C-alpha cells in the first residue's frame, strides 16, 4: 500500500519513527511534510494527506500533531476521509475493520515512538470486513455514516 504521512511541527518529533514503521511493514511512504520544527498549521497537512487519498495516490494516511486531536478534526472535515485518533492497537485495527477508517491520527506528546510503531502496524495490517459473509452490518453502519456526511438517510 501507499501511505501518505503528514504532520505539523509538534508531530515532527515522531514522524521519522512512523516513516520507519511503515517502511518496515513493506509499504511505500509518501512524505508530505513538515520537514522541520518550524511552526506550521496542522489543517494544511491533514488536507495534503486527505487529497492524496481522494486522488488515489495513497490508500491510507497517517497524520501527527501534538495531541492527535486537532489534525483529526481537520482530516474529518474532508468528505471521504475517515480519521480517528488512536493511541492503542485495538482501536487502530478495529477502526479499519469495522469503521473503514482510512487515516490514523497520532499525538506525539501523548505516546512514544515504540507504542506508535505498534499502533501503525495494527492500522496497516487491518482491512475492512464489511463485505465479508456475516459481517454486512459494518457495511450498513458505514453507509449510515456516509449518509450523515452527505446529509441524506441511508
N, C-alpha and C. Protein backbone atom coordinates (compact mmCIF):
# COMPACT_ATOMS: atom_id res chain seq x y z
N UNK A 1 0.84 -1.18 0.00
CA UNK A 1 0.00 0.00 0.00
C UNK A 1 0.88 1.24 0.00
N UNK A 2 0.33 2.30 -0.55
CA UNK A 2 0.97 3.60 -0.46
C UNK A 2 0.32 4.34 0.71
N UNK A 3 1.15 4.85 1.60
CA UNK A 3 0.68 5.51 2.81
C UNK A 3 1.18 6.95 2.81
N UNK A 4 0.25 7.91 2.81
CA UNK A 4 0.59 9.33 2.88
C UNK A 4 0.76 9.71 4.35
N UNK A 5 1.83 10.42 4.63
CA UNK A 5 2.12 10.83 6.00
C UNK A 5 2.34 12.33 6.04
N UNK A 6 1.71 12.98 7.02
CA UNK A 6 1.89 14.41 7.21
C UNK A 6 1.83 14.76 8.67
N UNK A 7 2.50 15.84 9.03
CA UNK A 7 2.50 16.28 10.42
C UNK A 7 2.75 17.76 10.51
N UNK A 8 2.36 18.31 11.64
CA UNK A 8 2.75 19.69 11.93
C UNK A 8 4.06 19.65 12.71
N UNK A 9 4.51 20.81 13.17
CA UNK A 9 5.78 20.90 13.90
C UNK A 9 5.78 20.08 15.18
N UNK A 10 4.64 19.99 15.86
CA UNK A 10 4.58 19.21 17.11
C UNK A 10 4.67 17.71 16.83
N UNK A 11 4.12 17.28 15.71
CA UNK A 11 4.18 15.87 15.34
C UNK A 11 5.49 15.46 14.71
N UNK A 12 6.29 16.45 14.32
CA UNK A 12 7.55 16.16 13.61
C UNK A 12 8.49 15.26 14.39
N UNK A 13 8.49 15.39 15.71
CA UNK A 13 9.40 14.59 16.53
C UNK A 13 9.12 13.09 16.41
N UNK A 14 7.91 12.72 16.09
CA UNK A 14 7.52 11.31 15.98
C UNK A 14 7.55 10.81 14.53
N UNK A 15 7.63 11.72 13.58
CA UNK A 15 7.46 11.35 12.17
C UNK A 15 8.47 10.32 11.68
N UNK A 16 9.74 10.46 12.00
CA UNK A 16 10.73 9.51 11.49
C UNK A 16 10.46 8.09 11.97
N UNK A 17 10.00 7.94 13.20
CA UNK A 17 9.64 6.61 13.70
C UNK A 17 8.48 6.03 12.92
N UNK A 18 7.52 6.87 12.56
CA UNK A 18 6.35 6.42 11.80
C UNK A 18 6.77 6.04 10.38
N UNK A 19 7.60 6.86 9.75
CA UNK A 19 8.10 6.54 8.42
C UNK A 19 8.80 5.18 8.43
N UNK A 20 9.62 4.97 9.43
CA UNK A 20 10.35 3.71 9.58
C UNK A 20 9.40 2.53 9.75
N UNK A 21 8.38 2.68 10.58
CA UNK A 21 7.43 1.59 10.83
C UNK A 21 6.67 1.23 9.56
N UNK A 22 6.28 2.22 8.78
CA UNK A 22 5.56 1.97 7.54
C UNK A 22 6.45 1.23 6.55
N UNK A 23 7.69 1.66 6.43
CA UNK A 23 8.61 1.02 5.50
C UNK A 23 8.96 -0.40 5.96
N UNK A 24 9.16 -0.58 7.26
CA UNK A 24 9.44 -1.93 7.79
C UNK A 24 8.29 -2.89 7.53
N UNK A 25 7.08 -2.36 7.50
CA UNK A 25 5.90 -3.19 7.23
C UNK A 25 5.73 -3.48 5.74
N UNK A 26 6.64 -2.96 4.91
CA UNK A 26 6.61 -3.25 3.49
C UNK A 26 5.76 -2.34 2.65
N UNK A 27 5.43 -1.16 3.16
CA UNK A 27 4.58 -0.23 2.44
C UNK A 27 5.40 0.95 1.93
N UNK A 28 4.87 1.60 0.91
CA UNK A 28 5.52 2.76 0.33
C UNK A 28 5.04 4.02 1.05
N UNK A 29 5.97 4.92 1.34
CA UNK A 29 5.68 6.16 2.05
C UNK A 29 5.60 7.33 1.08
N UNK A 30 4.59 8.15 1.27
CA UNK A 30 4.52 9.45 0.61
C UNK A 30 4.64 10.48 1.72
N UNK A 31 5.80 11.08 1.87
CA UNK A 31 6.09 12.03 2.95
C UNK A 31 5.70 13.43 2.51
N UNK A 32 4.64 13.96 3.13
CA UNK A 32 4.10 15.26 2.75
C UNK A 32 4.52 16.39 3.69
N UNK A 33 5.48 16.09 4.57
CA UNK A 33 5.97 17.13 5.47
C UNK A 33 5.20 17.15 6.78
N UNK A 34 5.51 18.05 7.57
CA UNK A 34 6.53 19.07 7.53
C UNK A 34 7.90 18.43 7.72
N UNK A 35 8.93 19.21 7.45
CA UNK A 35 10.29 18.66 7.48
C UNK A 35 11.19 19.31 8.51
N UNK A 36 10.60 20.20 9.34
CA UNK A 36 11.37 20.89 10.38
C UNK A 36 10.46 21.12 11.59
N UNK A 37 11.06 21.67 12.63
CA UNK A 37 10.30 22.03 13.83
C UNK A 37 9.71 23.44 13.73
N UNK A 38 9.87 24.11 12.60
CA UNK A 38 9.30 25.45 12.42
C UNK A 38 7.77 25.37 12.48
N UNK A 39 7.16 26.33 13.15
CA UNK A 39 5.71 26.33 13.34
C UNK A 39 4.96 26.34 12.01
N UNK A 40 4.01 25.40 11.89
CA UNK A 40 3.12 25.30 10.72
C UNK A 40 1.71 24.99 11.23
N UNK A 41 0.75 25.02 10.35
CA UNK A 41 -0.65 24.80 10.73
C UNK A 41 -1.10 23.39 10.36
N UNK A 42 -1.56 22.64 11.37
CA UNK A 42 -1.93 21.23 11.15
C UNK A 42 -3.02 21.02 10.10
N UNK A 43 -4.00 21.94 9.92
CA UNK A 43 -5.01 21.66 8.88
C UNK A 43 -4.40 21.52 7.48
N UNK A 44 -3.30 22.21 7.23
CA UNK A 44 -2.66 22.13 5.92
C UNK A 44 -2.16 20.71 5.64
N UNK A 45 -1.67 20.05 6.66
CA UNK A 45 -1.12 18.70 6.49
C UNK A 45 -2.22 17.65 6.48
N UNK A 46 -3.28 17.88 7.21
CA UNK A 46 -4.44 16.99 7.12
C UNK A 46 -5.00 17.04 5.70
N UNK A 47 -5.06 18.23 5.14
CA UNK A 47 -5.58 18.39 3.78
C UNK A 47 -4.67 17.71 2.75
N UNK A 48 -3.37 17.87 2.89
CA UNK A 48 -2.44 17.23 1.95
C UNK A 48 -2.62 15.72 1.95
N UNK A 49 -2.70 15.13 3.14
CA UNK A 49 -2.86 13.68 3.24
C UNK A 49 -4.21 13.26 2.68
N UNK A 50 -5.26 13.97 3.05
CA UNK A 50 -6.59 13.66 2.55
C UNK A 50 -6.67 13.70 1.04
N UNK A 51 -6.05 14.69 0.43
CA UNK A 51 -6.08 14.82 -1.03
C UNK A 51 -5.32 13.68 -1.71
N UNK A 52 -4.25 13.22 -1.11
CA UNK A 52 -3.52 12.07 -1.68
C UNK A 52 -4.42 10.83 -1.73
N UNK A 53 -5.22 10.65 -0.68
CA UNK A 53 -6.13 9.50 -0.64
C UNK A 53 -7.26 9.69 -1.65
N UNK A 54 -7.88 10.84 -1.64
CA UNK A 54 -9.01 11.09 -2.53
C UNK A 54 -8.61 11.05 -4.01
N UNK A 55 -7.38 11.44 -4.31
CA UNK A 55 -6.89 11.42 -5.68
C UNK A 55 -6.33 10.05 -6.09
N UNK A 56 -6.37 9.08 -5.17
CA UNK A 56 -5.94 7.73 -5.48
C UNK A 56 -4.44 7.51 -5.49
N UNK A 57 -3.69 8.48 -5.00
CA UNK A 57 -2.23 8.32 -4.95
C UNK A 57 -1.79 7.58 -3.69
N UNK A 58 -2.68 7.49 -2.70
CA UNK A 58 -2.41 6.75 -1.46
C UNK A 58 -3.67 6.00 -1.07
N UNK A 59 -3.49 4.84 -0.46
CA UNK A 59 -4.64 4.07 0.02
C UNK A 59 -5.07 4.50 1.41
N UNK A 60 -4.09 4.88 2.23
CA UNK A 60 -4.36 5.32 3.60
C UNK A 60 -3.41 6.43 3.97
N UNK A 61 -3.70 7.05 5.13
CA UNK A 61 -2.85 8.12 5.60
C UNK A 61 -2.60 8.04 7.09
N UNK A 62 -1.54 8.69 7.50
CA UNK A 62 -1.20 8.84 8.92
C UNK A 62 -0.84 10.31 9.12
N UNK A 63 -1.48 10.93 10.11
CA UNK A 63 -1.20 12.33 10.41
C UNK A 63 -0.85 12.46 11.89
N UNK A 64 0.02 13.43 12.16
CA UNK A 64 0.52 13.63 13.52
C UNK A 64 0.49 15.10 13.91
N UNK A 65 0.10 15.34 15.15
CA UNK A 65 0.26 16.65 15.77
C UNK A 65 0.58 16.40 17.23
N UNK A 66 0.51 17.38 18.07
CA UNK A 66 0.87 17.19 19.47
C UNK A 66 -0.04 16.22 20.19
N UNK A 67 -1.35 16.40 20.04
CA UNK A 67 -2.32 15.54 20.74
C UNK A 67 -2.94 14.49 19.83
N UNK A 68 -2.90 14.72 18.53
CA UNK A 68 -3.61 13.88 17.57
C UNK A 68 -5.04 14.33 17.37
N UNK A 69 -5.50 15.27 18.16
CA UNK A 69 -6.90 15.69 18.11
C UNK A 69 -7.15 16.74 17.03
N UNK A 70 -6.37 17.81 17.04
CA UNK A 70 -6.61 18.89 16.07
C UNK A 70 -6.51 18.41 14.64
N UNK A 71 -5.48 17.66 14.35
CA UNK A 71 -5.29 17.17 12.98
C UNK A 71 -6.37 16.17 12.60
N UNK A 72 -6.91 15.46 13.58
CA UNK A 72 -8.02 14.53 13.35
C UNK A 72 -9.29 15.29 13.00
N UNK A 73 -9.56 16.34 13.74
CA UNK A 73 -10.74 17.16 13.44
C UNK A 73 -10.63 17.71 12.02
N UNK A 74 -9.47 18.24 11.68
CA UNK A 74 -9.27 18.80 10.34
C UNK A 74 -9.45 17.73 9.26
N UNK A 75 -8.87 16.56 9.45
CA UNK A 75 -8.96 15.49 8.45
C UNK A 75 -10.41 15.07 8.24
N UNK A 76 -11.19 15.01 9.30
CA UNK A 76 -12.58 14.58 9.19
C UNK A 76 -13.49 15.60 8.52
N UNK A 77 -13.00 16.79 8.26
CA UNK A 77 -13.78 17.79 7.53
C UNK A 77 -13.74 17.54 6.03
N UNK A 78 -12.89 16.62 5.59
CA UNK A 78 -12.73 16.31 4.18
C UNK A 78 -13.65 15.14 3.84
N UNK A 79 -14.62 15.36 2.93
CA UNK A 79 -15.52 14.28 2.52
C UNK A 79 -14.71 13.09 2.02
N UNK A 80 -15.03 11.92 2.54
CA UNK A 80 -14.34 10.70 2.11
C UNK A 80 -13.16 10.32 2.98
N UNK A 81 -12.83 11.17 3.94
CA UNK A 81 -11.76 10.86 4.88
C UNK A 81 -12.39 10.47 6.20
N UNK A 82 -11.96 9.34 6.72
CA UNK A 82 -12.49 8.80 7.98
C UNK A 82 -11.31 8.59 8.90
N UNK A 83 -11.08 9.56 9.76
CA UNK A 83 -9.89 9.62 10.59
C UNK A 83 -10.26 9.41 12.05
N UNK A 84 -9.32 8.81 12.79
CA UNK A 84 -9.50 8.65 14.23
C UNK A 84 -8.16 8.74 14.93
N UNK A 85 -8.19 9.36 16.10
CA UNK A 85 -7.01 9.39 16.95
C UNK A 85 -6.99 8.08 17.74
N UNK A 86 -5.92 7.33 17.57
CA UNK A 86 -5.79 6.03 18.24
C UNK A 86 -4.45 5.98 18.94
N UNK A 87 -4.49 5.70 20.22
CA UNK A 87 -3.26 5.55 20.98
C UNK A 87 -3.15 4.16 21.57
N UNK A 88 -3.85 3.20 20.92
CA UNK A 88 -3.74 1.79 21.29
C UNK A 88 -3.96 0.96 20.04
N UNK A 89 -3.44 -0.26 20.03
CA UNK A 89 -3.52 -1.11 18.84
C UNK A 89 -4.94 -1.58 18.56
N UNK A 90 -5.73 -1.83 19.60
CA UNK A 90 -7.10 -2.31 19.39
C UNK A 90 -7.91 -1.30 18.59
N UNK A 91 -7.89 -0.05 18.99
CA UNK A 91 -8.64 0.98 18.28
C UNK A 91 -8.15 1.16 16.86
N UNK A 92 -6.84 1.04 16.65
CA UNK A 92 -6.27 1.23 15.32
C UNK A 92 -6.74 0.15 14.35
N UNK A 93 -6.76 -1.11 14.78
CA UNK A 93 -7.22 -2.14 13.84
C UNK A 93 -8.74 -2.21 13.79
N UNK A 94 -9.41 -1.99 14.90
CA UNK A 94 -10.88 -2.02 14.92
C UNK A 94 -11.46 -0.89 14.08
N UNK A 95 -10.81 0.26 14.10
CA UNK A 95 -11.27 1.39 13.30
C UNK A 95 -11.27 1.09 11.81
N UNK A 96 -10.31 0.32 11.37
CA UNK A 96 -10.27 -0.09 9.97
C UNK A 96 -11.27 -1.21 9.72
N UNK A 97 -11.22 -2.25 10.55
CA UNK A 97 -12.04 -3.45 10.33
C UNK A 97 -13.53 -3.15 10.37
N UNK A 98 -13.99 -2.39 11.31
CA UNK A 98 -15.42 -2.14 11.48
C UNK A 98 -15.90 -0.82 10.90
N UNK A 99 -15.04 0.19 10.88
CA UNK A 99 -15.48 1.54 10.53
C UNK A 99 -14.88 2.07 9.23
N UNK A 100 -14.04 1.29 8.59
CA UNK A 100 -13.41 1.66 7.33
C UNK A 100 -12.59 2.95 7.45
N UNK A 101 -11.95 3.12 8.60
CA UNK A 101 -11.07 4.27 8.83
C UNK A 101 -9.93 4.25 7.82
N UNK A 102 -9.65 5.40 7.22
CA UNK A 102 -8.55 5.45 6.25
C UNK A 102 -7.41 6.38 6.66
N UNK A 103 -7.56 7.07 7.78
CA UNK A 103 -6.49 7.93 8.28
C UNK A 103 -6.32 7.70 9.79
N UNK A 104 -5.11 7.38 10.17
CA UNK A 104 -4.73 7.22 11.57
C UNK A 104 -4.12 8.51 12.06
N UNK A 105 -4.59 8.99 13.21
CA UNK A 105 -4.08 10.22 13.81
C UNK A 105 -3.36 9.85 15.10
N UNK A 106 -2.19 10.43 15.28
CA UNK A 106 -1.39 10.16 16.47
C UNK A 106 -0.92 11.47 17.10
N UNK A 107 -0.79 11.44 18.42
CA UNK A 107 -0.30 12.59 19.16
C UNK A 107 1.10 12.36 19.68
N UNK A 108 2.05 13.13 19.22
CA UNK A 108 3.45 12.93 19.60
C UNK A 108 3.72 13.28 21.06
N UNK A 109 2.83 14.07 21.67
CA UNK A 109 3.01 14.42 23.08
C UNK A 109 2.24 13.46 23.99
N UNK A 110 1.60 12.47 23.38
CA UNK A 110 0.78 11.52 24.13
C UNK A 110 1.46 10.15 24.22
N UNK A 111 2.08 9.72 23.11
CA UNK A 111 2.71 8.40 23.08
C UNK A 111 4.14 8.51 22.56
N UNK A 112 4.92 7.51 22.89
CA UNK A 112 6.30 7.44 22.43
C UNK A 112 6.41 6.70 21.12
N UNK A 113 7.62 6.63 20.62
CA UNK A 113 7.83 6.05 19.29
C UNK A 113 7.57 4.55 19.23
N UNK A 114 7.92 3.80 20.25
CA UNK A 114 7.70 2.35 20.19
C UNK A 114 6.22 1.98 20.21
N UNK A 115 5.42 2.53 21.14
CA UNK A 115 3.98 2.26 21.05
C UNK A 115 3.37 2.75 19.73
N UNK A 116 3.84 3.89 19.24
CA UNK A 116 3.31 4.42 17.98
C UNK A 116 3.59 3.46 16.83
N UNK A 117 4.76 2.87 16.80
CA UNK A 117 5.09 1.90 15.75
C UNK A 117 4.15 0.71 15.79
N UNK A 118 3.84 0.23 16.97
CA UNK A 118 2.92 -0.91 17.09
C UNK A 118 1.51 -0.53 16.63
N UNK A 119 1.10 0.67 16.95
CA UNK A 119 -0.22 1.16 16.54
C UNK A 119 -0.27 1.27 15.02
N UNK A 120 0.77 1.79 14.43
CA UNK A 120 0.85 1.92 12.97
C UNK A 120 0.76 0.54 12.32
N UNK A 121 1.47 -0.43 12.85
CA UNK A 121 1.43 -1.78 12.29
C UNK A 121 0.03 -2.38 12.38
N UNK A 122 -0.65 -2.15 13.50
CA UNK A 122 -2.02 -2.65 13.65
C UNK A 122 -2.94 -2.00 12.62
N UNK A 123 -2.79 -0.71 12.41
CA UNK A 123 -3.57 0.03 11.41
C UNK A 123 -3.31 -0.51 10.00
N UNK A 124 -2.05 -0.71 9.67
CA UNK A 124 -1.70 -1.16 8.32
C UNK A 124 -2.08 -2.61 8.05
N UNK A 125 -2.09 -3.43 9.07
CA UNK A 125 -2.41 -4.85 8.89
C UNK A 125 -3.91 -5.13 8.88
N UNK A 126 -4.71 -4.15 9.21
CA UNK A 126 -6.16 -4.35 9.28
C UNK A 126 -6.79 -4.10 7.91
N UNK A 127 -7.93 -4.74 7.70
CA UNK A 127 -8.71 -4.49 6.49
C UNK A 127 -10.18 -4.43 6.87
N UNK A 128 -10.94 -3.66 6.11
CA UNK A 128 -12.37 -3.52 6.35
C UNK A 128 -13.06 -4.85 6.08
N UNK A 129 -13.88 -5.31 7.04
CA UNK A 129 -14.53 -6.62 6.91
C UNK A 129 -15.99 -6.53 6.54
N UNK A 130 -16.49 -5.34 6.23
CA UNK A 130 -17.91 -5.13 5.96
C UNK A 130 -18.47 -5.89 4.78
N UNK A 131 -17.61 -6.34 3.89
CA UNK A 131 -18.07 -7.11 2.73
C UNK A 131 -17.93 -8.61 2.93
N UNK A 132 -17.42 -9.03 4.07
CA UNK A 132 -17.27 -10.46 4.36
C UNK A 132 -18.61 -11.07 4.73
N UNK A 133 -18.84 -12.34 4.39
CA UNK A 133 -20.09 -13.00 4.80
C UNK A 133 -20.28 -12.93 6.31
N UNK A 134 -21.48 -12.55 6.71
CA UNK A 134 -21.81 -12.44 8.12
C UNK A 134 -21.38 -11.13 8.77
N UNK A 135 -20.72 -10.28 8.02
CA UNK A 135 -20.22 -9.02 8.57
C UNK A 135 -20.86 -7.79 7.91
N UNK A 136 -21.95 -8.00 7.21
CA UNK A 136 -22.59 -6.93 6.44
C UNK A 136 -23.02 -5.76 7.31
N UNK A 137 -23.24 -6.00 8.59
CA UNK A 137 -23.69 -4.92 9.48
C UNK A 137 -22.69 -3.76 9.47
N UNK A 138 -21.41 -4.06 9.29
CA UNK A 138 -20.40 -3.00 9.27
C UNK A 138 -20.54 -2.14 8.01
N UNK A 139 -20.84 -2.78 6.90
CA UNK A 139 -21.09 -2.04 5.67
C UNK A 139 -22.32 -1.14 5.82
N UNK A 140 -23.37 -1.67 6.44
CA UNK A 140 -24.59 -0.89 6.68
C UNK A 140 -24.28 0.33 7.55
N UNK A 141 -23.52 0.13 8.59
CA UNK A 141 -23.20 1.22 9.51
C UNK A 141 -22.33 2.28 8.84
N UNK A 142 -21.35 1.84 8.08
CA UNK A 142 -20.51 2.79 7.35
C UNK A 142 -21.37 3.55 6.34
N UNK A 143 -22.32 2.87 5.72
CA UNK A 143 -23.26 3.55 4.82
C UNK A 143 -24.04 4.64 5.52
N UNK A 144 -24.42 4.40 6.74
CA UNK A 144 -25.13 5.42 7.51
C UNK A 144 -24.23 6.61 7.83
N UNK A 145 -22.96 6.34 8.07
CA UNK A 145 -22.01 7.43 8.28
C UNK A 145 -21.89 8.26 7.00
N UNK A 146 -21.80 7.59 5.86
CA UNK A 146 -21.74 8.31 4.58
C UNK A 146 -23.01 9.16 4.41
N UNK A 147 -24.15 8.64 4.83
CA UNK A 147 -25.39 9.40 4.76
C UNK A 147 -25.33 10.65 5.60
N UNK A 148 -24.77 10.56 6.79
CA UNK A 148 -24.59 11.74 7.63
C UNK A 148 -23.72 12.78 6.94
N UNK A 149 -22.67 12.29 6.31
CA UNK A 149 -21.73 13.16 5.61
C UNK A 149 -22.42 13.91 4.47
N UNK A 150 -23.28 13.22 3.77
CA UNK A 150 -23.96 13.82 2.61
C UNK A 150 -25.28 14.48 2.97
N UNK A 151 -25.71 14.32 4.23
CA UNK A 151 -26.97 14.92 4.64
C UNK A 151 -28.19 14.16 4.15
N UNK A 152 -28.02 12.87 3.94
CA UNK A 152 -29.15 12.02 3.49
C UNK A 152 -29.29 10.84 4.42
N UNK A 153 -30.45 10.22 4.40
CA UNK A 153 -30.66 8.99 5.16
C UNK A 153 -30.16 7.83 4.33
N UNK A 154 -29.54 6.87 4.95
CA UNK A 154 -29.06 5.66 4.26
C UNK A 154 -29.82 4.47 4.75
